[in-house]
């Protein structure tokens, strides 16, 4: 049976072909170049947007939207001099892109159970992360990641604008789309294996476990930071906290005793797992969508380096914390232990001074 809109998908002969970039993306790249003109024609000539949407390869239409949004983010950032425009959509766009694949599949008459499973975990991820960003004040008018001011102050004005025109606005926008790109592979794979398998359910369970881990880490940090603010404001130590911990200035308990950034580790693992799901579904060891976790991990490497540089400059004990605890992966299962100050007895000090004096006399 020939499905309607079949021409918008590649003709594949085997399951492994679903992960082949040259067969699944390259033939449709001309659609990306033609999409702006076709969209304008549809607007001014009264055409059907639904017809254009369904006749365009779903990966290409999603990519086009991400590029368009990059332009919107760029203009908004430059007009408002606020460079957290992408940050406000970080927790929302990947799920919307997965919903785009699910919608296209349904309209095209393609089984969408696998895509629905991916959309389920992604929706839960979005709700949790959006809530966490909201309670931190991320959606307040004028709110901006404090690190952008530090970055802007550290480079020439033109260089920062170039950074915004490339990485901050466009590359990050495309990255958020690429996080969803393994679902395109799942969509293609359903042509050969349409049913939701036990392995698919296993991947969803792993994703939910990682989301729970990220929730726990973020909540532990939120509780500590809230207590620290209350302590600084009132001078009173909140119940359940120790003065020494609050004076230290950063959290070292719970998951943070084993990883300096357990929330970052879980976030990267969530999208790496989705990539692995795409590989498993096509019976391949790797595929081109690996670009998404690589891009994400690269962003987190830079973000983590900057965050730690700022934190180490604020808190003297942070260097000891860095030595004991791994950035993402635990170095040990013992957890962080506050270094014990070394005291030198007066008699020992006098003995060392006498030894130095004797050496000078010799």
C-alpha atoms as a PDB file:
ATOM      1  CA  UNK A   1       0.000   0.000   0.000  1.00  0.00           C
ATOM      2  CA  UNK A   2       1.311   3.433  -0.951  1.00  0.00           C
ATOM      3  CA  UNK A   3       0.789   5.894   1.847  1.00  0.00           C
ATOM      4  CA  UNK A   4      -0.320   9.440   1.040  1.00  0.00           C
ATOM      5  CA  UNK A   5       2.580  11.884   1.104  1.00  0.00           C
ATOM      6  CA  UNK A   6       5.011   8.957   0.675  1.00  0.00           C
ATOM      7  CA  UNK A   7       7.142  11.156  -1.581  1.00  0.00           C
ATOM      8  CA  UNK A   8       8.033  13.262   1.457  1.00  0.00           C
ATOM      9  CA  UNK A   9       9.863  10.263   2.932  1.00  0.00           C
ATOM     10  CA  UNK A  10      12.866   8.387   1.513  1.00  0.00           C
ATOM     11  CA  UNK A  11      12.381   5.050  -0.205  1.00  0.00           C
ATOM     12  CA  UNK A  12      14.342   2.619   1.935  1.00  0.00           C
ATOM     13  CA  UNK A  13      15.066  -1.036   1.338  1.00  0.00           C
ATOM     14  CA  UNK A  14      16.259  -2.124   4.768  1.00  0.00           C
ATOM     15  CA  UNK A  15      15.962  -1.135   8.414  1.00  0.00           C
ATOM     16  CA  UNK A  16      19.598  -0.035   8.555  1.00  0.00           C
ATOM     17  CA  UNK A  17      18.950   2.475   5.758  1.00  0.00           C
ATOM     18  CA  UNK A  18      16.914   4.554   8.215  1.00  0.00           C
ATOM     19  CA  UNK A  19      20.166   5.761   9.784  1.00  0.00           C
ATOM     20  CA  UNK A  20      21.873   6.623   6.492  1.00  0.00           C
ATOM     21  CA  UNK A  21      22.165  10.419   6.099  1.00  0.00           C
ATOM     22  CA  UNK A  22      22.766  10.171   2.345  1.00  0.00           C
ATOM     23  CA  UNK A  23      19.460   8.336   1.900  1.00  0.00           C
ATOM     24  CA  UNK A  24      17.261  10.010   4.513  1.00  0.00           C
ATOM     25  CA  UNK A  25      18.316  13.678   4.488  1.00  0.00           C
ATOM     26  CA  UNK A  26      20.511  14.568   1.508  1.00  0.00           C
ATOM     27  CA  UNK A  27      17.824  13.925  -1.168  1.00  0.00           C
ATOM     28  CA  UNK A  28      15.501  16.396   0.584  1.00  0.00           C
ATOM     29  CA  UNK A  29      17.916  19.285   1.145  1.00  0.00           C
ATOM     30  CA  UNK A  30      16.606  21.104  -1.989  1.00  0.00           C
ATOM     31  CA  UNK A  31      13.283  21.327  -0.139  1.00  0.00           C
ATOM     32  CA  UNK A  32      14.995  23.416   2.540  1.00  0.00           C
ATOM     33  CA  UNK A  33      16.225  25.926  -0.023  1.00  0.00           C
ATOM     34  CA  UNK A  34      12.793  26.087  -1.682  1.00  0.00           C
ATOM     35  CA  UNK A  35      10.805  26.303   1.545  1.00  0.00           C
ATOM     36  CA  UNK A  36      10.974  30.132   2.015  1.00  0.00           C
ATOM     37  CA  UNK A  37       9.706  30.750  -1.520  1.00  0.00           C
ATOM     38  CA  UNK A  38       6.987  28.111  -1.192  1.00  0.00           C
ATOM     39  CA  UNK A  39       5.861  29.583   2.113  1.00  0.00           C
ATOM     40  CA  UNK A  40       5.588  33.064   0.598  1.00  0.00           C
ATOM     41  CA  UNK A  41       3.698  31.665  -2.391  1.00  0.00           C
ATOM     42  CA  UNK A  42       1.287  29.947  -0.012  1.00  0.00           C
ATOM     43  CA  UNK A  43       0.725  33.176   1.917  1.00  0.00           C
ATOM     44  CA  UNK A  44       0.194  35.477  -1.053  1.00  0.00           C
ATOM     45  CA  UNK A  45      -1.546  33.061  -3.429  1.00  0.00           C
ATOM     46  CA  UNK A  46      -3.915  31.523  -0.909  1.00  0.00           C
ATOM     47  CA  UNK A  47      -2.444  28.032  -0.967  1.00  0.00           C
ATOM     48  CA  UNK A  48      -2.829  25.292   1.632  1.00  0.00           C
ATOM     49  CA  UNK A  49      -0.335  25.286   4.490  1.00  0.00           C
ATOM     50  CA  UNK A  50      -1.397  21.765   5.383  1.00  0.00           C
ATOM     51  CA  UNK A  51      -0.560  20.574   1.878  1.00  0.00           C
ATOM     52  CA  UNK A  52       2.854  22.309   2.022  1.00  0.00           C
ATOM     53  CA  UNK A  53       3.497  20.848   5.463  1.00  0.00           C
ATOM     54  CA  UNK A  54       2.679  17.302   4.420  1.00  0.00           C
ATOM     55  CA  UNK A  55       4.547  17.432   1.111  1.00  0.00           C
ATOM     56  CA  UNK A  56       7.735  18.592   2.832  1.00  0.00           C
ATOM     57  CA  UNK A  57       9.998  16.029   4.439  1.00  0.00           C
ATOM     58  CA  UNK A  58       9.364  16.299   8.220  1.00  0.00           C
ATOM     59  CA  UNK A  59      13.052  16.581   9.083  1.00  0.00           C
ATOM     60  CA  UNK A  60      13.488  19.426   6.592  1.00  0.00           C
ATOM     61  CA  UNK A  61      10.417  21.370   7.762  1.00  0.00           C
ATOM     62  CA  UNK A  62      11.550  21.085  11.389  1.00  0.00           C
ATOM     63  CA  UNK A  63      15.039  22.256  10.466  1.00  0.00           C
ATOM     64  CA  UNK A  64      13.558  25.214   8.583  1.00  0.00           C
ATOM     65  CA  UNK A  65      11.525  26.232  11.628  1.00  0.00           C
ATOM     66  CA  UNK A  66      14.614  26.095  13.868  1.00  0.00           C
ATOM     67  CA  UNK A  67      16.542  28.364  11.477  1.00  0.00           C
ATOM     68  CA  UNK A  68      13.623  30.789  11.342  1.00  0.00           C
ATOM     69  CA  UNK A  69      13.448  30.867  15.143  1.00  0.00           C
ATOM     70  CA  UNK A  70      17.177  31.548  15.235  1.00  0.00           C
ATOM     71  CA  UNK A  71      16.483  34.769  13.360  1.00  0.00           C
ATOM     72  CA  UNK A  72      13.710  35.663  15.806  1.00  0.00           C
ATOM     73  CA  UNK A  73      16.004  35.023  18.769  1.00  0.00           C
ATOM     74  CA  UNK A  74      18.723  37.154  17.184  1.00  0.00           C
ATOM     75  CA  UNK A  75      16.471  40.158  16.640  1.00  0.00           C
ATOM     76  CA  UNK A  76      14.925  39.867  20.119  1.00  0.00           C
ATOM     77  CA  UNK A  77      18.368  39.637  21.741  1.00  0.00           C
ATOM     78  CA  UNK A  78      19.783  42.647  19.913  1.00  0.00           C
ATOM     79  CA  UNK A  79      16.696  44.819  20.403  1.00  0.00           C
ATOM     80  CA  UNK A  80      16.390  44.053  24.120  1.00  0.00           C
ATOM     81  CA  UNK A  81      20.110  43.636  24.825  1.00  0.00           C
ATOM     82  CA  UNK A  82      19.099  40.437  26.578  1.00  0.00           C
ATOM     83  CA  UNK A  83      20.861  37.272  25.451  1.00  0.00           C
ATOM     84  CA  UNK A  84      18.761  34.667  27.251  1.00  0.00           C
ATOM     85  CA  UNK A  85      16.111  34.483  24.525  1.00  0.00           C
ATOM     86  CA  UNK A  86      16.967  30.865  23.655  1.00  0.00           C
ATOM     87  CA  UNK A  87      17.135  29.981  27.361  1.00  0.00           C
ATOM     88  CA  UNK A  88      13.438  30.780  27.748  1.00  0.00           C
ATOM     89  CA  UNK A  89      12.556  28.195  25.086  1.00  0.00           C
ATOM     90  CA  UNK A  90      15.198  25.581  25.967  1.00  0.00           C
ATOM     91  CA  UNK A  91      12.783  23.409  27.953  1.00  0.00           C
ATOM     92  CA  UNK A  92       9.968  23.700  25.417  1.00  0.00           C
ATOM     93  CA  UNK A  93      11.269  23.450  21.845  1.00  0.00           C
ATOM     94  CA  UNK A  94      12.671  19.869  21.806  1.00  0.00           C
ATOM     95  CA  UNK A  95       9.274  18.551  22.899  1.00  0.00           C
ATOM     96  CA  UNK A  96       7.478  20.684  20.291  1.00  0.00           C
ATOM     97  CA  UNK A  97       9.783  19.277  17.612  1.00  0.00           C
ATOM     98  CA  UNK A  98       9.040  15.719  18.729  1.00  0.00           C
ATOM     99  CA  UNK A  99       5.333  16.625  18.680  1.00  0.00           C
ATOM    100  CA  UNK A 100       5.891  17.841  15.108  1.00  0.00           C
ATOM    101  CA  UNK A 101       7.161  14.382  14.095  1.00  0.00           C
ATOM    102  CA  UNK A 102       4.233  12.722  15.887  1.00  0.00           C
ATOM    103  CA  UNK A 103       1.737  15.022  14.157  1.00  0.00           C
ATOM    104  CA  UNK A 104       3.245  14.496  10.720  1.00  0.00           C
ATOM    105  CA  UNK A 105       3.227  10.725  11.176  1.00  0.00           C
ATOM    106  CA  UNK A 106      -0.435  10.700  12.183  1.00  0.00           C
ATOM    107  CA  UNK A 107      -1.488  12.883   9.273  1.00  0.00           C
ATOM    108  CA  UNK A 108       0.523  10.701   6.889  1.00  0.00           C
ATOM    109  CA  UNK A 109      -1.074   7.511   8.213  1.00  0.00           C
ATOM    110  CA  UNK A 110       2.190   6.159   9.676  1.00  0.00           C
ATOM    111  CA  UNK A 111       2.096   4.238  13.004  1.00  0.00           C
ATOM    112  CA  UNK A 112       3.259   6.638  15.694  1.00  0.00           C
ATOM    113  CA  UNK A 113       3.437   4.540  18.858  1.00  0.00           C
ATOM    114  CA  UNK A 114       7.217   4.814  19.149  1.00  0.00           C
ATOM    115  CA  UNK A 115       7.119   8.544  18.529  1.00  0.00           C
ATOM    116  CA  UNK A 116       4.316   8.904  21.064  1.00  0.00           C
ATOM    117  CA  UNK A 117       6.508   7.101  23.609  1.00  0.00           C
ATOM    118  CA  UNK A 118       9.323   9.574  22.952  1.00  0.00           C
ATOM    119  CA  UNK A 119       6.844  12.442  23.210  1.00  0.00           C
ATOM    120  CA  UNK A 120       5.658  11.118  26.580  1.00  0.00           C
ATOM    121  CA  UNK A 121       9.057  11.268  28.267  1.00  0.00           C
ATOM    122  CA  UNK A 122       9.902  14.552  26.531  1.00  0.00           C
ATOM    123  CA  UNK A 123       6.689  16.180  27.755  1.00  0.00           C
ATOM    124  CA  UNK A 124       7.503  15.182  31.338  1.00  0.00           C
ATOM    125  CA  UNK A 125      11.050  16.518  30.812  1.00  0.00           C
ATOM    126  CA  UNK A 126       9.633  19.829  29.545  1.00  0.00           C
ATOM    127  CA  UNK A 127       7.196  20.244  32.436  1.00  0.00           C
ATOM    128  CA  UNK A 128       9.900  19.599  35.027  1.00  0.00           C
ATOM    129  CA  UNK A 129      12.563  21.797  33.450  1.00  0.00           C
ATOM    130  CA  UNK A 130      10.138  24.621  32.671  1.00  0.00           C
ATOM    131  CA  UNK A 131       8.965  24.624  36.289  1.00  0.00           C
ATOM    132  CA  UNK A 132      12.543  24.708  37.554  1.00  0.00           C
ATOM    133  CA  UNK A 133      13.408  27.601  35.233  1.00  0.00           C
ATOM    134  CA  UNK A 134      10.253  29.467  36.283  1.00  0.00           C
ATOM    135  CA  UNK A 135      10.869  29.191  40.019  1.00  0.00           C
ATOM    136  CA  UNK A 136      14.358  30.561  39.512  1.00  0.00           C
ATOM    137  CA  UNK A 137      12.825  33.653  37.925  1.00  0.00           C
ATOM    138  CA  UNK A 138      13.874  32.829  34.378  1.00  0.00           C
ATOM    139  CA  UNK A 139      10.608  34.103  32.898  1.00  0.00           C
ATOM    140  CA  UNK A 140      10.637  37.406  34.780  1.00  0.00           C
ATOM    141  CA  UNK A 141      10.744  40.486  32.563  1.00  0.00           C
ATOM    142  CA  UNK A 142      14.366  41.437  31.912  1.00  0.00           C
ATOM    143  CA  UNK A 143      15.744  38.224  33.451  1.00  0.00           C
ATOM    144  CA  UNK A 144      19.035  37.086  31.928  1.00  0.00           C
ATOM    145  CA  UNK A 145      21.659  34.456  32.690  1.00  0.00           C
ATOM    146  CA  UNK A 146      24.294  36.355  34.706  1.00  0.00           C
ATOM    147  CA  UNK A 147      27.072  34.620  32.786  1.00  0.00           C
ATOM    148  CA  UNK A 148      26.263  36.484  29.554  1.00  0.00           C
ATOM    149  CA  UNK A 149      27.234  39.775  31.202  1.00  0.00           C
ATOM    150  CA  UNK A 150      30.542  38.238  32.255  1.00  0.00           C
ATOM    151  CA  UNK A 151      31.199  36.893  28.758  1.00  0.00           C
ATOM    152  CA  UNK A 152      30.268  40.220  27.169  1.00  0.00           C
ATOM    153  CA  UNK A 153      32.617  42.112  29.499  1.00  0.00           C
ATOM    154  CA  UNK A 154      35.505  39.783  28.633  1.00  0.00           C
ATOM    155  CA  UNK A 155      35.556  40.399  24.862  1.00  0.00           C
ATOM    156  CA  UNK A 156      35.359  43.252  22.347  1.00  0.00           C
ATOM    157  CA  UNK A 157      31.839  44.496  21.586  1.00  0.00           C
ATOM    158  CA  UNK A 158      31.937  43.352  17.947  1.00  0.00           C
ATOM    159  CA  UNK A 159      33.177  39.898  18.930  1.00  0.00           C
ATOM    160  CA  UNK A 160      30.264  39.447  21.321  1.00  0.00           C
ATOM    161  CA  UNK A 161      27.766  40.475  18.633  1.00  0.00           C
ATOM    162  CA  UNK A 162      29.303  37.906  16.287  1.00  0.00           C
ATOM    163  CA  UNK A 163      28.946  35.339  19.081  1.00  0.00           C
ATOM    164  CA  UNK A 164      25.273  36.240  19.332  1.00  0.00           C
ATOM    165  CA  UNK A 165      24.723  36.154  15.562  1.00  0.00           C
ATOM    166  CA  UNK A 166      26.217  32.661  15.397  1.00  0.00           C
ATOM    167  CA  UNK A 167      26.236  30.561  18.567  1.00  0.00           C
ATOM    168  CA  UNK A 168      23.820  32.216  21.010  1.00  0.00           C
ATOM    169  CA  UNK A 169      20.920  32.665  18.602  1.00  0.00           C
ATOM    170  CA  UNK A 170      21.289  30.381  15.569  1.00  0.00           C
ATOM    171  CA  UNK A 171      23.468  27.459  16.653  1.00  0.00           C
ATOM    172  CA  UNK A 172      21.617  26.993  19.939  1.00  0.00           C
ATOM    173  CA  UNK A 173      18.286  27.152  18.101  1.00  0.00           C
ATOM    174  CA  UNK A 174      19.378  24.441  15.655  1.00  0.00           C
ATOM    175  CA  UNK A 175      20.804  22.427  18.572  1.00  0.00           C
ATOM    176  CA  UNK A 176      17.391  22.314  20.242  1.00  0.00           C
ATOM    177  CA  UNK A 177      15.983  20.877  17.016  1.00  0.00           C
ATOM    178  CA  UNK A 178      18.805  18.380  16.606  1.00  0.00           C
ATOM    179  CA  UNK A 179      18.066  17.008  20.081  1.00  0.00           C
ATOM    180  CA  UNK A 180      14.814  15.738  18.581  1.00  0.00           C
ATOM    181  CA  UNK A 181      16.422  14.431  15.377  1.00  0.00           C
ATOM    182  CA  UNK A 182      16.701  10.785  16.568  1.00  0.00           C
ATOM    183  CA  UNK A 183      12.893  10.734  16.528  1.00  0.00           C
ATOM    184  CA  UNK A 184      13.051  11.218  12.752  1.00  0.00           C
ATOM    185  CA  UNK A 185      15.042   7.985  12.655  1.00  0.00           C
ATOM    186  CA  UNK A 186      12.364   6.320  14.808  1.00  0.00           C
ATOM    187  CA  UNK A 187       9.705   7.596  12.414  1.00  0.00           C
ATOM    188  CA  UNK A 188      11.486   6.010   9.459  1.00  0.00           C
ATOM    189  CA  UNK A 189      12.047   2.763  11.367  1.00  0.00           C
ATOM    190  CA  UNK A 190       8.328   2.349  12.019  1.00  0.00           C
ATOM    191  CA  UNK A 191       7.920   1.565   8.310  1.00  0.00           C
ATOM    192  CA  UNK A 192       9.713  -1.726   9.042  1.00  0.00           C
ATOM    193  CA  UNK A 193       8.829  -2.310  12.721  1.00  0.00           C
ATOM    194  CA  UNK A 194       5.625  -0.393  13.500  1.00  0.00           C
ATOM    195  CA  UNK A 195       4.838  -1.870  16.914  1.00  0.00           C
ATOM    196  CA  UNK A 196       6.075  -0.581  20.253  1.00  0.00           C
ATOM    197  CA  UNK A 197       8.529  -3.164  21.581  1.00  0.00           C
ATOM    198  CA  UNK A 198       9.676  -4.092  25.075  1.00  0.00           C
ATOM    199  CA  UNK A 199      12.998  -2.416  24.298  1.00  0.00           C
ATOM    200  CA  UNK A 200      11.191   0.822  23.415  1.00  0.00           C
ATOM    201  CA  UNK A 201       9.434   0.733  26.776  1.00  0.00           C
ATOM    202  CA  UNK A 202      12.813   0.101  28.411  1.00  0.00           C
ATOM    203  CA  UNK A 203      14.237   3.243  26.819  1.00  0.00           C
ATOM    204  CA  UNK A 204      11.280   5.278  28.095  1.00  0.00           C
ATOM    205  CA  UNK A 205      11.831   3.905  31.602  1.00  0.00           C
ATOM    206  CA  UNK A 206      15.510   4.883  31.433  1.00  0.00           C
ATOM    207  CA  UNK A 207      14.561   8.364  30.278  1.00  0.00           C
ATOM    208  CA  UNK A 208      12.105   8.764  33.148  1.00  0.00           C
ATOM    209  CA  UNK A 209      14.770   7.593  35.596  1.00  0.00           C
ATOM    210  CA  UNK A 210      17.186  10.226  34.299  1.00  0.00           C
ATOM    211  CA  UNK A 211      14.497  12.908  34.537  1.00  0.00           C
ATOM    212  CA  UNK A 212      13.854  11.881  38.153  1.00  0.00           C
ATOM    213  CA  UNK A 213      17.587  12.091  38.874  1.00  0.00           C
ATOM    214  CA  UNK A 214      17.738  15.581  37.383  1.00  0.00           C
ATOM    215  CA  UNK A 215      14.685  16.611  39.411  1.00  0.00           C
ATOM    216  CA  UNK A 216      16.260  15.389  42.653  1.00  0.00           C
ATOM    217  CA  UNK A 217      19.549  17.184  41.923  1.00  0.00           C
ATOM    218  CA  UNK A 218      17.854  20.472  41.010  1.00  0.00           C
ATOM    219  CA  UNK A 219      15.565  20.280  44.036  1.00  0.00           C
ATOM    220  CA  UNK A 220      18.478  19.630  46.398  1.00  0.00           C
ATOM    221  CA  UNK A 221      20.261  22.665  45.001  1.00  0.00           C
ATOM    222  CA  UNK A 222      17.101  24.784  45.212  1.00  0.00           C
ATOM    223  CA  UNK A 223      16.567  23.881  48.886  1.00  0.00           C
ATOM    224  CA  UNK A 224      20.199  24.703  49.722  1.00  0.00           C
ATOM    225  CA  UNK A 225      20.212  28.009  47.842  1.00  0.00           C
ATOM    226  CA  UNK A 226      16.902  29.033  49.437  1.00  0.00           C
ATOM    227  CA  UNK A 227      18.310  28.253  52.886  1.00  0.00           C
ATOM    228  CA  UNK A 228      21.477  30.210  52.127  1.00  0.00           C
ATOM    229  CA  UNK A 229      19.473  33.263  51.075  1.00  0.00           C
ATOM    230  CA  UNK A 230      17.318  33.019  54.217  1.00  0.00           C
ATOM    231  CA  UNK A 231      20.458  32.690  56.381  1.00  0.00           C
ATOM    232  CA  UNK A 232      22.075  35.759  54.782  1.00  0.00           C
ATOM    233  CA  UNK A 233      18.863  37.770  55.105  1.00  0.00           C
ATOM    234  CA  UNK A 234      17.793  36.890  58.642  1.00  0.00           C
ATOM    235  CA  UNK A 235      20.984  35.616  60.219  1.00  0.00           C
ATOM    236  CA  UNK A 236      19.044  32.547  61.376  1.00  0.00           C
ATOM    237  CA  UNK A 237      20.026  29.014  60.406  1.00  0.00           C
ATOM    238  CA  UNK A 238      17.043  27.298  58.709  1.00  0.00           C
ATOM    239  CA  UNK A 239      15.946  23.955  60.138  1.00  0.00           C
ATOM    240  CA  UNK A 240      17.751  20.986  58.649  1.00  0.00           C
ATOM    241  CA  UNK A 241      20.874  22.941  57.729  1.00  0.00           C
ATOM    242  CA  UNK A 242      24.260  23.497  59.350  1.00  0.00           C
ATOM    243  CA  UNK A 243      25.978  26.858  59.618  1.00  0.00           C
ATOM    244  CA  UNK A 244      29.244  25.427  58.280  1.00  0.00           C
ATOM    245  CA  UNK A 245      27.489  24.243  55.104  1.00  0.00           C
ATOM    246  CA  UNK A 246      25.791  27.594  54.530  1.00  0.00           C
ATOM    247  CA  UNK A 247      29.022  29.488  55.214  1.00  0.00           C
ATOM    248  CA  UNK A 248      30.782  27.306  52.663  1.00  0.00           C
ATOM    249  CA  UNK A 249      28.489  28.833  50.044  1.00  0.00           C
ATOM    250  CA  UNK A 250      27.828  25.838  47.762  1.00  0.00           C
ATOM    251  CA  UNK A 251      26.065  22.511  48.157  1.00  0.00           C
ATOM    252  CA  UNK A 252      28.110  19.357  48.815  1.00  0.00           C
ATOM    253  CA  UNK A 253      25.407  16.982  50.072  1.00  0.00           C
ATOM    254  CA  UNK A 254      23.007  14.539  48.433  1.00  0.00           C
ATOM    255  CA  UNK A 255      23.850  13.831  44.799  1.00  0.00           C
ATOM    256  CA  UNK A 256      26.221  16.809  44.913  1.00  0.00           C
ATOM    257  CA  UNK A 257      28.527  14.868  47.236  1.00  0.00           C
ATOM    258  CA  UNK A 258      29.377  12.568  44.316  1.00  0.00           C
ATOM    259  CA  UNK A 259      29.109  14.834  41.276  1.00  0.00           C
ATOM    260  CA  UNK A 260      29.734  18.574  41.011  1.00  0.00           C
ATOM    261  CA  UNK A 261      26.958  18.813  38.423  1.00  0.00           C
ATOM    262  CA  UNK A 262      24.596  15.838  38.752  1.00  0.00           C
ATOM    263  CA  UNK A 263      21.802  17.786  37.041  1.00  0.00           C
ATOM    264  CA  UNK A 264      24.023  18.532  34.035  1.00  0.00           C
ATOM    265  CA  UNK A 265      25.104  14.880  33.894  1.00  0.00           C
ATOM    266  CA  UNK A 266      21.473  13.710  33.831  1.00  0.00           C
ATOM    267  CA  UNK A 267      20.499  16.310  31.203  1.00  0.00           C
ATOM    268  CA  UNK A 268      23.205  15.184  28.800  1.00  0.00           C
ATOM    269  CA  UNK A 269      22.386  11.527  29.450  1.00  0.00           C
ATOM    270  CA  UNK A 270      18.716  12.086  28.583  1.00  0.00           C
ATOM    271  CA  UNK A 271      19.503  13.117  25.015  1.00  0.00           C
ATOM    272  CA  UNK A 272      22.352  10.639  24.623  1.00  0.00           C
ATOM    273  CA  UNK A 273      19.862   7.905  25.547  1.00  0.00           C
ATOM    274  CA  UNK A 274      17.413   9.148  22.900  1.00  0.00           C
ATOM    275  CA  UNK A 275      20.231   8.930  20.352  1.00  0.00           C
ATOM    276  CA  UNK A 276      21.000   5.363  21.485  1.00  0.00           C
ATOM    277  CA  UNK A 277      17.314   4.551  21.118  1.00  0.00           C
ATOM    278  CA  UNK A 278      17.502   5.585  17.463  1.00  0.00           C
ATOM    279  CA  UNK A 279      20.567   3.388  16.964  1.00  0.00           C
ATOM    280  CA  UNK A 280      18.865   0.414  18.603  1.00  0.00           C
ATOM    281  CA  UNK A 281      15.695   0.874  16.552  1.00  0.00           C
ATOM    282  CA  UNK A 282      17.698   0.713  13.302  1.00  0.00           C
ATOM    283  CA  UNK A 283      20.053  -2.048  14.433  1.00  0.00           C
ATOM    284  CA  UNK A 284      23.132   0.166  13.952  1.00  0.00           C
ATOM    285  CA  UNK A 285      26.029   1.048  16.231  1.00  0.00           C
ATOM    286  CA  UNK A 286      25.929   4.733  15.339  1.00  0.00           C
ATOM    287  CA  UNK A 287      24.238   7.193  13.003  1.00  0.00           C
ATOM    288  CA  UNK A 288      24.387  10.826  11.925  1.00  0.00           C
ATOM    289  CA  UNK A 289      22.136  12.078  14.737  1.00  0.00           C
ATOM    290  CA  UNK A 290      25.110  11.665  17.063  1.00  0.00           C
ATOM    291  CA  UNK A 291      25.735  15.309  16.184  1.00  0.00           C
ATOM    292  CA  UNK A 292      22.986  16.221  18.690  1.00  0.00           C
ATOM    293  CA  UNK A 293      24.583  14.783  21.869  1.00  0.00           C
ATOM    294  CA  UNK A 294      28.015  15.968  20.697  1.00  0.00           C
ATOM    295  CA  UNK A 295      26.709  19.532  20.254  1.00  0.00           C
ATOM    296  CA  UNK A 296      24.951  19.390  23.621  1.00  0.00           C
ATOM    297  CA  UNK A 297      27.999  18.057  25.467  1.00  0.00           C
ATOM    298  CA  UNK A 298      30.160  20.730  23.859  1.00  0.00           C
ATOM    299  CA  UNK A 299      27.795  23.429  25.116  1.00  0.00           C
ATOM    300  CA  UNK A 300      27.803  21.925  28.602  1.00  0.00           C
ATOM    301  CA  UNK A 301      31.595  21.730  28.635  1.00  0.00           C
ATOM    302  CA  UNK A 302      31.870  25.464  27.968  1.00  0.00           C
ATOM    303  CA  UNK A 303      29.027  26.362  30.325  1.00  0.00           C
ATOM    304  CA  UNK A 304      30.422  24.195  33.129  1.00  0.00           C
ATOM    305  CA  UNK A 305      33.936  25.597  32.729  1.00  0.00           C
ATOM    306  CA  UNK A 306      32.637  29.177  33.008  1.00  0.00           C
ATOM    307  CA  UNK A 307      30.358  28.359  35.953  1.00  0.00           C
ATOM    308  CA  UNK A 308      33.156  26.664  37.871  1.00  0.00           C
ATOM    309  CA  UNK A 309      35.593  29.478  37.164  1.00  0.00           C
ATOM    310  CA  UNK A 310      33.125  31.949  38.672  1.00  0.00           C
ATOM    311  CA  UNK A 311      32.310  29.686  41.628  1.00  0.00           C
ATOM    312  CA  UNK A 312      35.963  28.963  42.430  1.00  0.00           C
ATOM    313  CA  UNK A 313      36.604  32.718  42.543  1.00  0.00           C
ATOM    314  CA  UNK A 314      33.814  33.191  45.098  1.00  0.00           C
ATOM    315  CA  UNK A 315      34.336  30.280  47.475  1.00  0.00           C
ATOM    316  CA  UNK A 316      37.800  29.276  48.833  1.00  0.00           C
ATOM    317  CA  UNK A 317      36.791  25.662  49.522  1.00  0.00           C
ATOM    318  CA  UNK A 318      35.649  25.003  45.960  1.00  0.00           C
ATOM    319  CA  UNK A 319      39.116  23.950  44.800  1.00  0.00           C
ATOM    320  CA  UNK A 320      39.155  21.183  47.433  1.00  0.00           C
ATOM    321  CA  UNK A 321      35.678  20.134  46.264  1.00  0.00           C
ATOM    322  CA  UNK A 322      36.935  19.953  42.676  1.00  0.00           C
ATOM    323  CA  UNK A 323      39.814  17.679  43.708  1.00  0.00           C
ATOM    324  CA  UNK A 324      37.575  15.214  45.514  1.00  0.00           C
ATOM    325  CA  UNK A 325      34.418  15.192  43.369  1.00  0.00           C
ATOM    326  CA  UNK A 326      34.119  14.530  39.637  1.00  0.00           C
ATOM    327  CA  UNK A 327      32.585  17.083  37.286  1.00  0.00           C
ATOM    328  CA  UNK A 328      29.840  14.765  36.029  1.00  0.00           C
ATOM    329  CA  UNK A 329      30.900  11.195  36.845  1.00  0.00           C
ATOM    330  CA  UNK A 330      31.768  10.330  40.486  1.00  0.00           C
ATOM    331  CA  UNK A 331      35.433   9.802  41.275  1.00  0.00           C
ATOM    332  CA  UNK A 332      34.571   7.750  44.352  1.00  0.00           C
ATOM    333  CA  UNK A 333      31.529   6.465  46.228  1.00  0.00           C
ATOM    334  CA  UNK A 334      32.762   7.913  49.523  1.00  0.00           C
ATOM    335  CA  UNK A 335      31.298  11.334  48.865  1.00  0.00           C
ATOM    336  CA  UNK A 336      32.748  14.740  49.642  1.00  0.00           C
ATOM    337  CA  UNK A 337      34.493  15.301  52.963  1.00  0.00           C
ATOM    338  CA  UNK A 338      35.320  18.800  54.161  1.00  0.00           C
ATOM    339  CA  UNK A 339      39.114  19.114  54.503  1.00  0.00           C
ATOM    340  CA  UNK A 340      40.314  19.207  58.120  1.00  0.00           C
ATOM    341  CA  UNK A 341      42.433  22.311  58.813  1.00  0.00           C
ATOM    342  CA  UNK A 342      46.041  21.529  59.638  1.00  0.00           C
ATOM    343  CA  UNK A 343      47.242  22.920  62.950  1.00  0.00           C
ATOM    344  CA  UNK A 344      50.914  23.274  63.847  1.00  0.00           C
ATOM    345  CA  UNK A 345      51.740  23.100  67.539  1.00  0.00           C
ATOM    346  CA  UNK A 346      53.942  25.827  68.976  1.00  0.00           C
ATOM    347  CA  UNK A 347      56.595  23.288  69.974  1.00  0.00           C
ATOM    348  CA  UNK A 348      56.723  21.908  66.421  1.00  0.00           C
ATOM    349  CA  UNK A 349      56.991  25.398  64.978  1.00  0.00           C
ATOM    350  CA  UNK A 350      59.843  26.240  67.363  1.00  0.00           C
ATOM    351  CA  UNK A 351      61.593  23.007  66.414  1.00  0.00           C
ATOM    352  CA  UNK A 352      61.354  23.810  62.670  1.00  0.00           C
ATOM    353  CA  UNK A 353      62.690  27.322  63.241  1.00  0.00           C
ATOM    354  CA  UNK A 354      65.620  25.904  65.222  1.00  0.00           C
ATOM    355  CA  UNK A 355      66.398  23.432  62.433  1.00  0.00           C
ATOM    356  CA  UNK A 356      66.456  26.277  59.883  1.00  0.00           C
ATOM    357  CA  UNK A 357      68.774  28.280  62.126  1.00  0.00           C
ATOM    358  CA  UNK A 358      71.159  25.341  62.502  1.00  0.00           C
ATOM    359  CA  UNK A 359      71.311  24.898  58.723  1.00  0.00           C
ATOM    360  CA  UNK A 360      72.187  28.569  58.286  1.00  0.00           C
ATOM    361  CA  UNK A 361      75.027  28.298  60.793  1.00  0.00           C
ATOM    362  CA  UNK A 362      76.471  25.342  58.938  1.00  0.00           C
END
